[in-house]
């Protein structure tokens, strides 16, 4: 964690040093280099923060929840009652068929 913080702050310091040297070398004309990236960042911020709220809610309003009807709730309650409780075992239409090799007590493990 400390290593990542160190790398982050070193990169910030180098970026600041680069900005200062650009302003010293070119003056205010160095700002023209940063106009396009600043516009792109502003556009991305606008698209990320502002637009999803408008699209999801429809002109700034929050969506209302739909209340299910009584008929729907009775169906759901009926389905829940018919489901088996998790404690009961299910019955399967399978059965174990004994093999024809025969069992040898010597091959069975002593402890299970």
PDB file of N, CA and C in Angstrom:
ATOM      1  N   UNK A   1       0.824  -1.178   0.000  1.00  0.00           N
ATOM      2  CA  UNK A   1       0.000   0.000   0.000  1.00  0.00           C
ATOM      3  C   UNK A   1       0.876   1.252   0.000  1.00  0.00           C
ATOM      4  N   UNK A   2       1.922   1.238   0.788  1.00  0.00           N
ATOM      5  CA  UNK A   2       2.816   2.385   0.870  1.00  0.00           C
ATOM      6  C   UNK A   2       3.544   2.566  -0.464  1.00  0.00           C
ATOM      7  N   UNK A   3       3.871   1.467  -1.107  1.00  0.00           N
ATOM      8  CA  UNK A   3       4.582   1.525  -2.381  1.00  0.00           C
ATOM      9  C   UNK A   3       3.716   2.205  -3.440  1.00  0.00           C
ATOM     10  N   UNK A   4       2.400   1.865  -3.473  1.00  0.00           N
ATOM     11  CA  UNK A   4       1.501   2.474  -4.438  1.00  0.00           C
ATOM     12  C   UNK A   4       1.353   3.972  -4.176  1.00  0.00           C
ATOM     13  N   UNK A   5       1.287   4.351  -2.924  1.00  0.00           N
ATOM     14  CA  UNK A   5       1.175   5.769  -2.573  1.00  0.00           C
ATOM     15  C   UNK A   5       2.443   6.510  -2.979  1.00  0.00           C
ATOM     16  N   UNK A   6       3.577   5.884  -2.794  1.00  0.00           N
ATOM     17  CA  UNK A   6       4.843   6.503  -3.168  1.00  0.00           C
ATOM     18  C   UNK A   6       4.909   6.729  -4.676  1.00  0.00           C
ATOM     19  N   UNK A   7       4.514   5.729  -5.444  1.00  0.00           N
ATOM     20  CA  UNK A   7       4.511   5.860  -6.906  1.00  0.00           C
ATOM     21  C   UNK A   7       3.534   6.960  -7.335  1.00  0.00           C
ATOM     22  N   UNK A   8       2.373   7.023  -6.697  1.00  0.00           N
ATOM     23  CA  UNK A   8       1.375   8.047  -7.029  1.00  0.00           C
ATOM     24  C   UNK A   8       1.926   9.436  -6.779  1.00  0.00           C
ATOM     25  N   UNK A   9       2.509   9.678  -5.613  1.00  0.00           N
ATOM     26  CA  UNK A   9       2.977  11.018  -5.286  1.00  0.00           C
ATOM     27  C   UNK A   9       4.205  11.409  -6.109  1.00  0.00           C
ATOM     28  N   UNK A  10       5.032  10.446  -6.469  1.00  0.00           N
ATOM     29  CA  UNK A  10       6.166  10.762  -7.350  1.00  0.00           C
ATOM     30  C   UNK A  10       5.659  11.173  -8.725  1.00  0.00           C
ATOM     31  N   UNK A  11       4.634  10.479  -9.239  1.00  0.00           N
ATOM     32  CA  UNK A  11       4.096  10.845 -10.545  1.00  0.00           C
ATOM     33  C   UNK A  11       3.412  12.209 -10.495  1.00  0.00           C
ATOM     34  N   UNK A  12       2.722  12.536  -9.409  1.00  0.00           N
ATOM     35  CA  UNK A  12       2.114  13.854  -9.258  1.00  0.00           C
ATOM     36  C   UNK A  12       3.192  14.938  -9.224  1.00  0.00           C
ATOM     37  N   UNK A  13       4.273  14.691  -8.501  1.00  0.00           N
ATOM     38  CA  UNK A  13       5.363  15.674  -8.412  1.00  0.00           C
ATOM     39  C   UNK A  13       6.012  15.876  -9.781  1.00  0.00           C
ATOM     40  N   UNK A  14       6.216  14.812 -10.532  1.00  0.00           N
ATOM     41  CA  UNK A  14       6.810  14.947 -11.867  1.00  0.00           C
ATOM     42  C   UNK A  14       5.880  15.694 -12.812  1.00  0.00           C
ATOM     43  N   UNK A  15       4.563  15.447 -12.701  1.00  0.00           N
ATOM     44  CA  UNK A  15       3.604  16.171 -13.538  1.00  0.00           C
ATOM     45  C   UNK A  15       3.611  17.655 -13.198  1.00  0.00           C
ATOM     46  N   UNK A  16       3.665  17.975 -11.919  1.00  0.00           N
ATOM     47  CA  UNK A  16       3.720  19.384 -11.510  1.00  0.00           C
ATOM     48  C   UNK A  16       5.005  20.037 -12.000  1.00  0.00           C
ATOM     49  N   UNK A  17       6.117  19.324 -11.930  1.00  0.00           N
ATOM     50  CA  UNK A  17       7.391  19.848 -12.417  1.00  0.00           C
ATOM     51  C   UNK A  17       7.324  20.105 -13.917  1.00  0.00           C
ATOM     52  N   UNK A  18       6.690  19.193 -14.651  1.00  0.00           N
ATOM     53  CA  UNK A  18       6.525  19.383 -16.093  1.00  0.00           C
ATOM     54  C   UNK A  18       5.667  20.588 -16.416  1.00  0.00           C
ATOM     55  N   UNK A  19       4.599  20.804 -15.649  1.00  0.00           N
ATOM     56  CA  UNK A  19       3.751  21.980 -15.865  1.00  0.00           C
ATOM     57  C   UNK A  19       4.517  23.265 -15.611  1.00  0.00           C
ATOM     58  N   UNK A  20       5.279  23.293 -14.539  1.00  0.00           N
ATOM     59  CA  UNK A  20       6.041  24.503 -14.197  1.00  0.00           C
ATOM     60  C   UNK A  20       7.071  24.802 -15.272  1.00  0.00           C
ATOM     61  N   UNK A  21       7.774  23.804 -15.753  1.00  0.00           N
ATOM     62  CA  UNK A  21       8.789  24.045 -16.798  1.00  0.00           C
ATOM     63  C   UNK A  21       8.137  24.478 -18.105  1.00  0.00           C
ATOM     64  N   UNK A  22       6.944  23.952 -18.431  1.00  0.00           N
ATOM     65  CA  UNK A  22       6.246  24.393 -19.641  1.00  0.00           C
ATOM     66  C   UNK A  22       5.824  25.857 -19.532  1.00  0.00           C
ATOM     67  N   UNK A  23       5.323  26.254 -18.366  1.00  0.00           N
ATOM     68  CA  UNK A  23       4.935  27.654 -18.193  1.00  0.00           C
ATOM     69  C   UNK A  23       6.139  28.578 -18.233  1.00  0.00           C
ATOM     70  N   UNK A  24       7.269  28.125 -17.715  1.00  0.00           N
ATOM     71  CA  UNK A  24       8.481  28.958 -17.738  1.00  0.00           C
ATOM     72  C   UNK A  24       9.024  29.069 -19.155  1.00  0.00           C
ATOM     73  N   UNK A  25       8.920  28.019 -19.942  1.00  0.00           N
ATOM     74  CA  UNK A  25       9.487  28.030 -21.284  1.00  0.00           C
ATOM     75  C   UNK A  25       8.567  28.754 -22.272  1.00  0.00           C
ATOM     76  N   UNK A  26       7.255  28.514 -22.211  1.00  0.00           N
ATOM     77  CA  UNK A  26       6.346  29.048 -23.227  1.00  0.00           C
ATOM     78  C   UNK A  26       5.439  30.163 -22.729  1.00  0.00           C
ATOM     79  N   UNK A  27       5.315  30.298 -21.457  1.00  0.00           N
ATOM     80  CA  UNK A  27       4.414  31.316 -20.933  1.00  0.00           C
ATOM     81  C   UNK A  27       2.974  30.820 -20.975  1.00  0.00           C
ATOM     82  N   UNK A  28       2.040  31.727 -21.249  1.00  0.00           N
ATOM     83  CA  UNK A  28       0.626  31.354 -21.263  1.00  0.00           C
ATOM     84  C   UNK A  28       0.235  30.537 -22.494  1.00  0.00           C
ATOM     85  N   UNK A  29       1.080  30.498 -23.514  1.00  0.00           N
ATOM     86  CA  UNK A  29       0.766  29.683 -24.691  1.00  0.00           C
ATOM     87  C   UNK A  29       0.827  28.186 -24.372  1.00  0.00           C
ATOM     88  N   UNK A  30       1.412  27.838 -23.225  1.00  0.00           N
ATOM     89  CA  UNK A  30       1.447  26.433 -22.806  1.00  0.00           C
ATOM     90  C   UNK A  30       0.054  25.930 -22.434  1.00  0.00           C
ATOM     91  N   UNK A  31      -0.861  26.849 -22.129  1.00  0.00           N
ATOM     92  CA  UNK A  31      -2.234  26.442 -21.799  1.00  0.00           C
ATOM     93  C   UNK A  31      -2.964  25.830 -22.993  1.00  0.00           C
ATOM     94  N   UNK A  32      -2.558  26.191 -24.210  1.00  0.00           N
ATOM     95  CA  UNK A  32      -3.227  25.653 -25.403  1.00  0.00           C
ATOM     96  C   UNK A  32      -3.041  24.144 -25.510  1.00  0.00           C
ATOM     97  N   UNK A  33      -1.997  23.613 -24.921  1.00  0.00           N
ATOM     98  CA  UNK A  33      -1.768  22.170 -24.933  1.00  0.00           C
ATOM     99  C   UNK A  33      -2.802  21.462 -24.064  1.00  0.00           C
ATOM    100  N   UNK A  34      -3.263  22.113 -23.005  1.00  0.00           N
ATOM    101  CA  UNK A  34      -4.145  21.482 -22.038  1.00  0.00           C
ATOM    102  C   UNK A  34      -5.629  21.717 -22.307  1.00  0.00           C
ATOM    103  N   UNK A  35      -5.964  22.489 -23.336  1.00  0.00           N
ATOM    104  CA  UNK A  35      -7.376  22.780 -23.601  1.00  0.00           C
ATOM    105  C   UNK A  35      -8.130  21.528 -24.038  1.00  0.00           C
ATOM    106  N   UNK A  36      -7.597  20.777 -25.004  1.00  0.00           N
ATOM    107  CA  UNK A  36      -8.281  19.582 -25.496  1.00  0.00           C
ATOM    108  C   UNK A  36      -8.439  18.511 -24.416  1.00  0.00           C
ATOM    109  N   UNK A  37      -7.395  18.158 -23.665  1.00  0.00           N
ATOM    110  CA  UNK A  37      -7.600  17.174 -22.591  1.00  0.00           C
ATOM    111  C   UNK A  37      -8.581  17.657 -21.526  1.00  0.00           C
ATOM    112  N   UNK A  38      -8.573  18.943 -21.211  1.00  0.00           N
ATOM    113  CA  UNK A  38      -9.508  19.467 -20.213  1.00  0.00           C
ATOM    114  C   UNK A  38     -10.942  19.363 -20.721  1.00  0.00           C
ATOM    115  N   UNK A  39     -11.155  19.661 -22.006  1.00  0.00           N
ATOM    116  CA  UNK A  39     -12.497  19.520 -22.580  1.00  0.00           C
ATOM    117  C   UNK A  39     -12.964  18.068 -22.581  1.00  0.00           C
ATOM    118  N   UNK A  40     -12.070  17.154 -22.885  1.00  0.00           N
ATOM    119  CA  UNK A  40     -12.431  15.728 -22.867  1.00  0.00           C
ATOM    120  C   UNK A  40     -12.777  15.260 -21.457  1.00  0.00           C
ATOM    121  N   UNK A  41     -12.001  15.702 -20.470  1.00  0.00           N
ATOM    122  CA  UNK A  41     -12.299  15.335 -19.086  1.00  0.00           C
ATOM    123  C   UNK A  41     -13.640  15.908 -18.636  1.00  0.00           C
ATOM    124  N   UNK A  42     -13.922  17.157 -19.031  1.00  0.00           N
ATOM    125  CA  UNK A  42     -15.207  17.761 -18.676  1.00  0.00           C
ATOM    126  C   UNK A  42     -16.361  17.018 -19.330  1.00  0.00           C
ATOM    127  N   UNK A  43     -16.189  16.603 -20.570  1.00  0.00           N
ATOM    128  CA  UNK A  43     -17.227  15.846 -21.268  1.00  0.00           C
ATOM    129  C   UNK A  43     -17.456  14.487 -20.618  1.00  0.00           C
ATOM    130  N   UNK A  44     -16.387  13.814 -20.244  1.00  0.00           N
ATOM    131  CA  UNK A  44     -16.520  12.517 -19.570  1.00  0.00           C
ATOM    132  C   UNK A  44     -17.183  12.673 -18.208  1.00  0.00           C
ATOM    133  N   UNK A  45     -16.832  13.717 -17.483  1.00  0.00           N
ATOM    134  CA  UNK A  45     -17.455  13.961 -16.187  1.00  0.00           C
ATOM    135  C   UNK A  45     -18.948  14.217 -16.354  1.00  0.00           C
ATOM    136  N   UNK A  46     -19.298  15.020 -17.338  1.00  0.00           N
ATOM    137  CA  UNK A  46     -20.705  15.317 -17.595  1.00  0.00           C
ATOM    138  C   UNK A  46     -21.471  14.046 -17.955  1.00  0.00           C
ATOM    139  N   UNK A  47     -20.882  13.222 -18.825  1.00  0.00           N
ATOM    140  CA  UNK A  47     -21.551  11.989 -19.248  1.00  0.00           C
ATOM    141  C   UNK A  47     -21.668  11.000 -18.099  1.00  0.00           C
ATOM    142  N   UNK A  48     -20.707  10.973 -17.219  1.00  0.00           N
ATOM    143  CA  UNK A  48     -20.706   9.994 -16.127  1.00  0.00           C
ATOM    144  C   UNK A  48     -21.601  10.422 -14.975  1.00  0.00           C
ATOM    145  N   UNK A  49     -21.588  11.682 -14.623  1.00  0.00           N
ATOM    146  CA  UNK A  49     -22.317  12.147 -13.439  1.00  0.00           C
ATOM    147  C   UNK A  49     -23.719  12.653 -13.748  1.00  0.00           C
ATOM    148  N   UNK A  50     -23.912  13.376 -14.820  1.00  0.00           N
ATOM    149  CA  UNK A  50     -25.173  14.063 -15.060  1.00  0.00           C
ATOM    150  C   UNK A  50     -26.121  13.235 -15.913  1.00  0.00           C
ATOM    151  N   UNK A  51     -25.652  12.668 -17.007  1.00  0.00           N
ATOM    152  CA  UNK A  51     -26.550  11.974 -17.928  1.00  0.00           C
ATOM    153  C   UNK A  51     -27.204  10.721 -17.368  1.00  0.00           C
ATOM    154  N   UNK A  52     -26.531   9.856 -16.613  1.00  0.00           N
ATOM    155  CA  UNK A  52     -27.223   8.659 -16.118  1.00  0.00           C
ATOM    156  C   UNK A  52     -28.423   8.983 -15.239  1.00  0.00           C
ATOM    157  N   UNK A  53     -28.391  10.051 -14.478  1.00  0.00           N
ATOM    158  CA  UNK A  53     -29.525  10.437 -13.653  1.00  0.00           C
ATOM    159  C   UNK A  53     -30.721  10.838 -14.491  1.00  0.00           C
ATOM    160  N   UNK A  54     -30.490  11.495 -15.589  1.00  0.00           N
ATOM    161  CA  UNK A  54     -31.587  11.912 -16.455  1.00  0.00           C
ATOM    162  C   UNK A  54     -32.169  10.739 -17.219  1.00  0.00           C
ATOM    163  N   UNK A  55     -31.335   9.841 -17.683  1.00  0.00           N
ATOM    164  CA  UNK A  55     -31.826   8.702 -18.464  1.00  0.00           C
ATOM    165  C   UNK A  55     -32.606   7.748 -17.584  1.00  0.00           C
ATOM    166  N   UNK A  56     -32.114   7.473 -16.390  1.00  0.00           N
ATOM    167  CA  UNK A  56     -32.758   6.484 -15.520  1.00  0.00           C
ATOM    168  C   UNK A  56     -34.083   6.992 -14.976  1.00  0.00           C
ATOM    169  N   UNK A  57     -34.145   8.260 -14.596  1.00  0.00           N
ATOM    170  CA  UNK A  57     -35.344   8.758 -13.951  1.00  0.00           C
ATOM    171  C   UNK A  57     -36.319   9.424 -14.893  1.00  0.00           C
ATOM    172  N   UNK A  58     -35.901   9.809 -16.060  1.00  0.00           N
ATOM    173  CA  UNK A  58     -36.777  10.495 -16.972  1.00  0.00           C
ATOM    174  C   UNK A  58     -37.014  11.928 -16.544  1.00  0.00           C
ATOM    175  N   UNK A  59     -36.212  12.838 -17.007  1.00  0.00           N
ATOM    176  CA  UNK A  59     -36.278  14.272 -16.721  1.00  0.00           C
ATOM    177  C   UNK A  59     -36.194  14.586 -15.226  1.00  0.00           C
ATOM    178  N   UNK A  60     -35.326  13.889 -14.512  1.00  0.00           N
ATOM    179  CA  UNK A  60     -35.061  14.226 -13.119  1.00  0.00           C
ATOM    180  C   UNK A  60     -35.994  13.601 -12.110  1.00  0.00           C
ATOM    181  N   UNK A  61     -37.038  12.931 -12.504  1.00  0.00           N
ATOM    182  CA  UNK A  61     -37.954  12.321 -11.548  1.00  0.00           C
ATOM    183  C   UNK A  61     -37.485  10.918 -11.212  1.00  0.00           C
ATOM    184  N   UNK A  62     -37.744  10.493  -9.992  1.00  0.00           N
ATOM    185  CA  UNK A  62     -37.388   9.133  -9.615  1.00  0.00           C
ATOM    186  C   UNK A  62     -38.498   8.190 -10.052  1.00  0.00           C
ATOM    187  N   UNK A  63     -38.126   6.973 -10.345  1.00  0.00           N
ATOM    188  CA  UNK A  63     -39.101   5.984 -10.791  1.00  0.00           C
ATOM    189  C   UNK A  63     -39.951   5.520  -9.617  1.00  0.00           C
ATOM    190  N   UNK A  64     -41.231   5.316  -9.872  1.00  0.00           N
ATOM    191  CA  UNK A  64     -42.103   4.807  -8.827  1.00  0.00           C
ATOM    192  C   UNK A  64     -42.166   3.294  -8.926  1.00  0.00           C
ATOM    193  N   UNK A  65     -42.266   2.652  -7.785  1.00  0.00           N
ATOM    194  CA  UNK A  65     -42.352   1.203  -7.769  1.00  0.00           C
ATOM    195  C   UNK A  65     -43.779   0.780  -8.083  1.00  0.00           C
ATOM    196  N   UNK A  66     -43.904  -0.325  -8.816  1.00  0.00           N
ATOM    197  CA  UNK A  66     -45.214  -0.843  -9.176  1.00  0.00           C
ATOM    198  C   UNK A  66     -45.653  -1.813  -8.099  1.00  0.00           C
ATOM    199  N   UNK A  67     -46.822  -1.599  -7.537  1.00  0.00           N
ATOM    200  CA  UNK A  67     -47.347  -2.480  -6.512  1.00  0.00           C
ATOM    201  C   UNK A  67     -48.060  -3.646  -7.182  1.00  0.00           C
ATOM    202  N   UNK A  68     -47.690  -4.888  -6.839  1.00  0.00           N
ATOM    203  CA  UNK A  68     -48.348  -6.031  -7.471  1.00  0.00           C
ATOM    204  C   UNK A  68     -49.805  -6.141  -7.026  1.00  0.00           C
ATOM    205  N   UNK A  69     -50.608  -6.675  -7.921  1.00  0.00           N
ATOM    206  CA  UNK A  69     -52.036  -6.800  -7.617  1.00  0.00           C
ATOM    207  C   UNK A  69     -52.273  -7.936  -6.629  1.00  0.00           C
ATOM    208  N   UNK A  70     -53.481  -7.985  -6.104  1.00  0.00           N
ATOM    209  CA  UNK A  70     -53.845  -9.026  -5.139  1.00  0.00           C
ATOM    210  C   UNK A  70     -53.810 -10.399  -5.800  1.00  0.00           C
ATOM    211  N   UNK A  71     -54.200 -10.460  -7.078  1.00  0.00           N
ATOM    212  CA  UNK A  71     -54.194 -11.735  -7.804  1.00  0.00           C
ATOM    213  C   UNK A  71     -52.757 -12.256  -7.939  1.00  0.00           C
ATOM    214  N   UNK A  72     -51.853 -11.366  -8.256  1.00  0.00           N
ATOM    215  CA  UNK A  72     -50.445 -11.757  -8.382  1.00  0.00           C
ATOM    216  C   UNK A  72     -49.898 -12.222  -7.035  1.00  0.00           C
ATOM    217  N   UNK A  73     -50.221 -11.510  -5.984  1.00  0.00           N
ATOM    218  CA  UNK A  73     -49.733 -11.890  -4.659  1.00  0.00           C
ATOM    219  C   UNK A  73     -50.291 -13.241  -4.227  1.00  0.00           C
ATOM    220  N   UNK A  74     -51.547 -13.539  -4.597  1.00  0.00           N
ATOM    221  CA  UNK A  74     -52.114 -14.837  -4.234  1.00  0.00           C
ATOM    222  C   UNK A  74     -51.413 -15.958  -4.994  1.00  0.00           C
ATOM    223  N   UNK A  75     -51.045 -15.710  -6.243  1.00  0.00           N
ATOM    224  CA  UNK A  75     -50.297 -16.714  -7.012  1.00  0.00           C
ATOM    225  C   UNK A  75     -48.942 -16.984  -6.363  1.00  0.00           C
ATOM    226  N   UNK A  76     -48.251 -15.901  -5.978  1.00  0.00           N
ATOM    227  CA  UNK A  76     -46.929 -16.045  -5.354  1.00  0.00           C
ATOM    228  C   UNK A  76     -47.055 -16.795  -4.034  1.00  0.00           C
ATOM    229  N   UNK A  77     -48.094 -16.496  -3.256  1.00  0.00           N
ATOM    230  CA  UNK A  77     -48.293 -17.175  -1.980  1.00  0.00           C
ATOM    231  C   UNK A  77     -48.585 -18.654  -2.208  1.00  0.00           C
ATOM    232  N   UNK A  78     -49.352 -18.981  -3.252  1.00  0.00           N
ATOM    233  CA  UNK A  78     -49.654 -20.379  -3.561  1.00  0.00           C
ATOM    234  C   UNK A  78     -48.417 -21.154  -3.978  1.00  0.00           C
ATOM    235  N   UNK A  79     -47.559 -20.521  -4.730  1.00  0.00           N
ATOM    236  CA  UNK A  79     -46.316 -21.171  -5.163  1.00  0.00           C
ATOM    237  C   UNK A  79     -45.419 -21.426  -3.964  1.00  0.00           C
ATOM    238  N   UNK A  80     -45.358 -20.469  -3.054  1.00  0.00           N
ATOM    239  CA  UNK A  80     -44.498 -20.630  -1.879  1.00  0.00           C
ATOM    240  C   UNK A  80     -44.997 -21.749  -0.975  1.00  0.00           C
ATOM    241  N   UNK A  81     -46.318 -21.922  -0.871  1.00  0.00           N
ATOM    242  CA  UNK A  81     -46.867 -22.977  -0.016  1.00  0.00           C
ATOM    243  C   UNK A  81     -46.617 -24.360  -0.596  1.00  0.00           C
ATOM    244  N   UNK A  82     -46.649 -24.487  -1.927  1.00  0.00           N
ATOM    245  CA  UNK A  82     -46.496 -25.800  -2.545  1.00  0.00           C
ATOM    246  C   UNK A  82     -45.051 -26.263  -2.587  1.00  0.00           C
ATOM    247  N   UNK A  83     -44.114 -25.360  -2.431  1.00  0.00           N
ATOM    248  CA  UNK A  83     -42.711 -25.761  -2.449  1.00  0.00           C
ATOM    249  C   UNK A  83     -42.390 -26.553  -1.186  1.00  0.00           C
ATOM    250  N   UNK A  84     -41.553 -27.582  -1.346  1.00  0.00           N
ATOM    251  CA  UNK A  84     -41.175 -28.414  -0.205  1.00  0.00           C
ATOM    252  C   UNK A  84     -40.252 -27.623   0.715  1.00  0.00           C
ATOM    253  N   UNK A  85     -40.393 -27.886   1.984  1.00  0.00           N
ATOM    254  CA  UNK A  85     -39.520 -27.210   2.933  1.00  0.00           C
ATOM    255  C   UNK A  85     -38.114 -27.768   2.791  1.00  0.00           C
ATOM    256  N   UNK A  86     -37.094 -26.963   3.085  1.00  0.00           N
ATOM    257  CA  UNK A  86     -35.723 -27.412   2.853  1.00  0.00           C
ATOM    258  C   UNK A  86     -35.298 -28.582   3.739  1.00  0.00           C
ATOM    259  N   UNK A  87     -36.003 -28.863   4.822  1.00  0.00           N
ATOM    260  CA  UNK A  87     -35.610 -29.947   5.712  1.00  0.00           C
ATOM    261  C   UNK A  87     -35.998 -31.325   5.185  1.00  0.00           C
ATOM    262  N   UNK A  88     -37.007 -31.432   4.329  1.00  0.00           N
ATOM    263  CA  UNK A  88     -37.462 -32.726   3.830  1.00  0.00           C
ATOM    264  C   UNK A  88     -36.579 -33.204   2.688  1.00  0.00           C
ATOM    265  N   UNK A  89     -36.450 -34.507   2.589  1.00  0.00           N
ATOM    266  CA  UNK A  89     -35.671 -35.088   1.509  1.00  0.00           C
ATOM    267  C   UNK A  89     -36.560 -35.306   0.304  1.00  0.00           C
ATOM    268  N   UNK A  90     -36.006 -35.128  -0.854  1.00  0.00           N
ATOM    269  CA  UNK A  90     -36.753 -35.370  -2.077  1.00  0.00           C
ATOM    270  C   UNK A  90     -36.670 -36.848  -2.420  1.00  0.00           C
ATOM    271  N   UNK A  91     -37.708 -37.375  -3.040  1.00  0.00           N
ATOM    272  CA  UNK A  91     -37.690 -38.762  -3.494  1.00  0.00           C
ATOM    273  C   UNK A  91     -37.360 -38.781  -4.977  1.00  0.00           C
ATOM    274  N   UNK A  92     -36.417 -39.602  -5.331  1.00  0.00           N
ATOM    275  CA  UNK A  92     -35.993 -39.707  -6.715  1.00  0.00           C
ATOM    276  C   UNK A  92     -36.396 -41.075  -7.251  1.00  0.00           C
ATOM    277  N   UNK A  93     -36.698 -41.175  -8.545  1.00  0.00           N
ATOM    278  CA  UNK A  93     -37.113 -42.467  -9.115  1.00  0.00           C
ATOM    279  C   UNK A  93     -35.936 -43.363  -9.481  1.00  0.00           C
ATOM    280  N   UNK A  94     -34.897 -43.348  -8.675  1.00  0.00           N
ATOM    281  CA  UNK A  94     -33.717 -44.167  -8.942  1.00  0.00           C
ATOM    282  C   UNK A  94     -33.546 -45.177  -7.815  1.00  0.00           C
ATOM    283  N   UNK A  95     -32.901 -46.295  -8.155  1.00  0.00           N
ATOM    284  CA  UNK A  95     -32.554 -47.253  -7.120  1.00  0.00           C
ATOM    285  C   UNK A  95     -31.181 -47.816  -7.421  1.00  0.00           C
ATOM    286  N   UNK A  96     -30.518 -48.276  -6.371  1.00  0.00           N
ATOM    287  CA  UNK A  96     -29.170 -48.804  -6.509  1.00  0.00           C
ATOM    288  C   UNK A  96     -29.265 -50.259  -6.911  1.00  0.00           C
ATOM    289  N   UNK A  97     -28.541 -50.621  -7.972  1.00  0.00           N
ATOM    290  CA  UNK A  97     -28.507 -52.009  -8.439  1.00  0.00           C
ATOM    291  C   UNK A  97     -27.175 -52.591  -8.006  1.00  0.00           C
ATOM    292  N   UNK A  98     -27.218 -53.678  -7.269  1.00  0.00           N
ATOM    293  CA  UNK A  98     -25.998 -54.328  -6.802  1.00  0.00           C
ATOM    294  C   UNK A  98     -25.244 -54.919  -7.986  1.00  0.00           C
ATOM    295  N   UNK A  99     -23.931 -54.803  -7.926  1.00  0.00           N
ATOM    296  CA  UNK A  99     -23.101 -55.346  -8.992  1.00  0.00           C
ATOM    297  C   UNK A  99     -22.963 -56.857  -8.891  1.00  0.00           C
ATOM    298  N   UNK A 100     -22.452 -57.478  -9.967  1.00  0.00           N
ATOM    299  CA  UNK A 100     -22.343 -58.933 -10.011  1.00  0.00           C
ATOM    300  C   UNK A 100     -20.996 -59.432  -9.516  1.00  0.00           C
ATOM    301  N   UNK A 101     -20.078 -58.578  -9.119  1.00  0.00           N
ATOM    302  CA  UNK A 101     -18.751 -59.001  -8.708  1.00  0.00           C
ATOM    303  C   UNK A 101     -18.733 -59.589  -7.312  1.00  0.00           C
ATOM    304  N   UNK A 102     -19.651 -59.252  -6.487  1.00  0.00           N
ATOM    305  CA  UNK A 102     -19.615 -59.741  -5.109  1.00  0.00           C
ATOM    306  C   UNK A 102     -18.699 -58.877  -4.270  1.00  0.00           C
ATOM    307  N   UNK A 103     -18.986 -58.867  -2.996  1.00  0.00           N
ATOM    308  CA  UNK A 103     -18.207 -58.014  -2.102  1.00  0.00           C
ATOM    309  C   UNK A 103     -17.192 -58.850  -1.340  1.00  0.00           C
ATOM    310  N   UNK A 104     -16.020 -58.273  -1.161  1.00  0.00           N
ATOM    311  CA  UNK A 104     -14.970 -58.916  -0.399  1.00  0.00           C
ATOM    312  C   UNK A 104     -14.730 -58.040   0.835  1.00  0.00           C
ATOM    313  N   UNK A 105     -14.860 -58.616   2.034  1.00  0.00           N
ATOM    314  CA  UNK A 105     -14.703 -57.845   3.256  1.00  0.00           C
ATOM    315  C   UNK A 105     -13.279 -57.348   3.453  1.00  0.00           C
ATOM    316  N   UNK A 106     -12.308 -57.988   2.825  1.00  0.00           N
ATOM    317  CA  UNK A 106     -10.924 -57.557   2.974  1.00  0.00           C
ATOM    318  C   UNK A 106     -10.661 -56.231   2.251  1.00  0.00           C
ATOM    319  N   UNK A 107     -11.405 -55.977   1.193  1.00  0.00           N
ATOM    320  CA  UNK A 107     -11.174 -54.749   0.420  1.00  0.00           C
ATOM    321  C   UNK A 107     -11.902 -53.542   0.984  1.00  0.00           C
ATOM    322  N   UNK A 108     -12.844 -53.768   1.872  1.00  0.00           N
ATOM    323  CA  UNK A 108     -13.567 -52.649   2.459  1.00  0.00           C
ATOM    324  C   UNK A 108     -12.673 -51.914   3.444  1.00  0.00           C
ATOM    325  N   UNK A 109     -12.752 -50.630   3.532  1.00  0.00           N
ATOM    326  CA  UNK A 109     -11.932 -49.905   4.502  1.00  0.00           C
ATOM    327  C   UNK A 109     -12.390 -50.205   5.924  1.00  0.00           C
ATOM    328  N   UNK A 110     -11.415 -50.259   6.836  1.00  0.00           N
ATOM    329  CA  UNK A 110     -11.708 -50.598   8.228  1.00  0.00           C
ATOM    330  C   UNK A 110     -12.480 -49.483   8.901  1.00  0.00           C
ATOM    331  N   UNK A 111     -12.156 -48.218   8.571  1.00  0.00           N
ATOM    332  CA  UNK A 111     -12.787 -47.070   9.214  1.00  0.00           C
ATOM    333  C   UNK A 111     -13.435 -46.210   8.147  1.00  0.00           C
ATOM    334  N   UNK A 112     -14.618 -45.769   8.415  1.00  0.00           N
ATOM    335  CA  UNK A 112     -15.345 -44.940   7.439  1.00  0.00           C
ATOM    336  C   UNK A 112     -15.311 -43.518   7.883  1.00  0.00           C
TER     337      UNK A 112
END
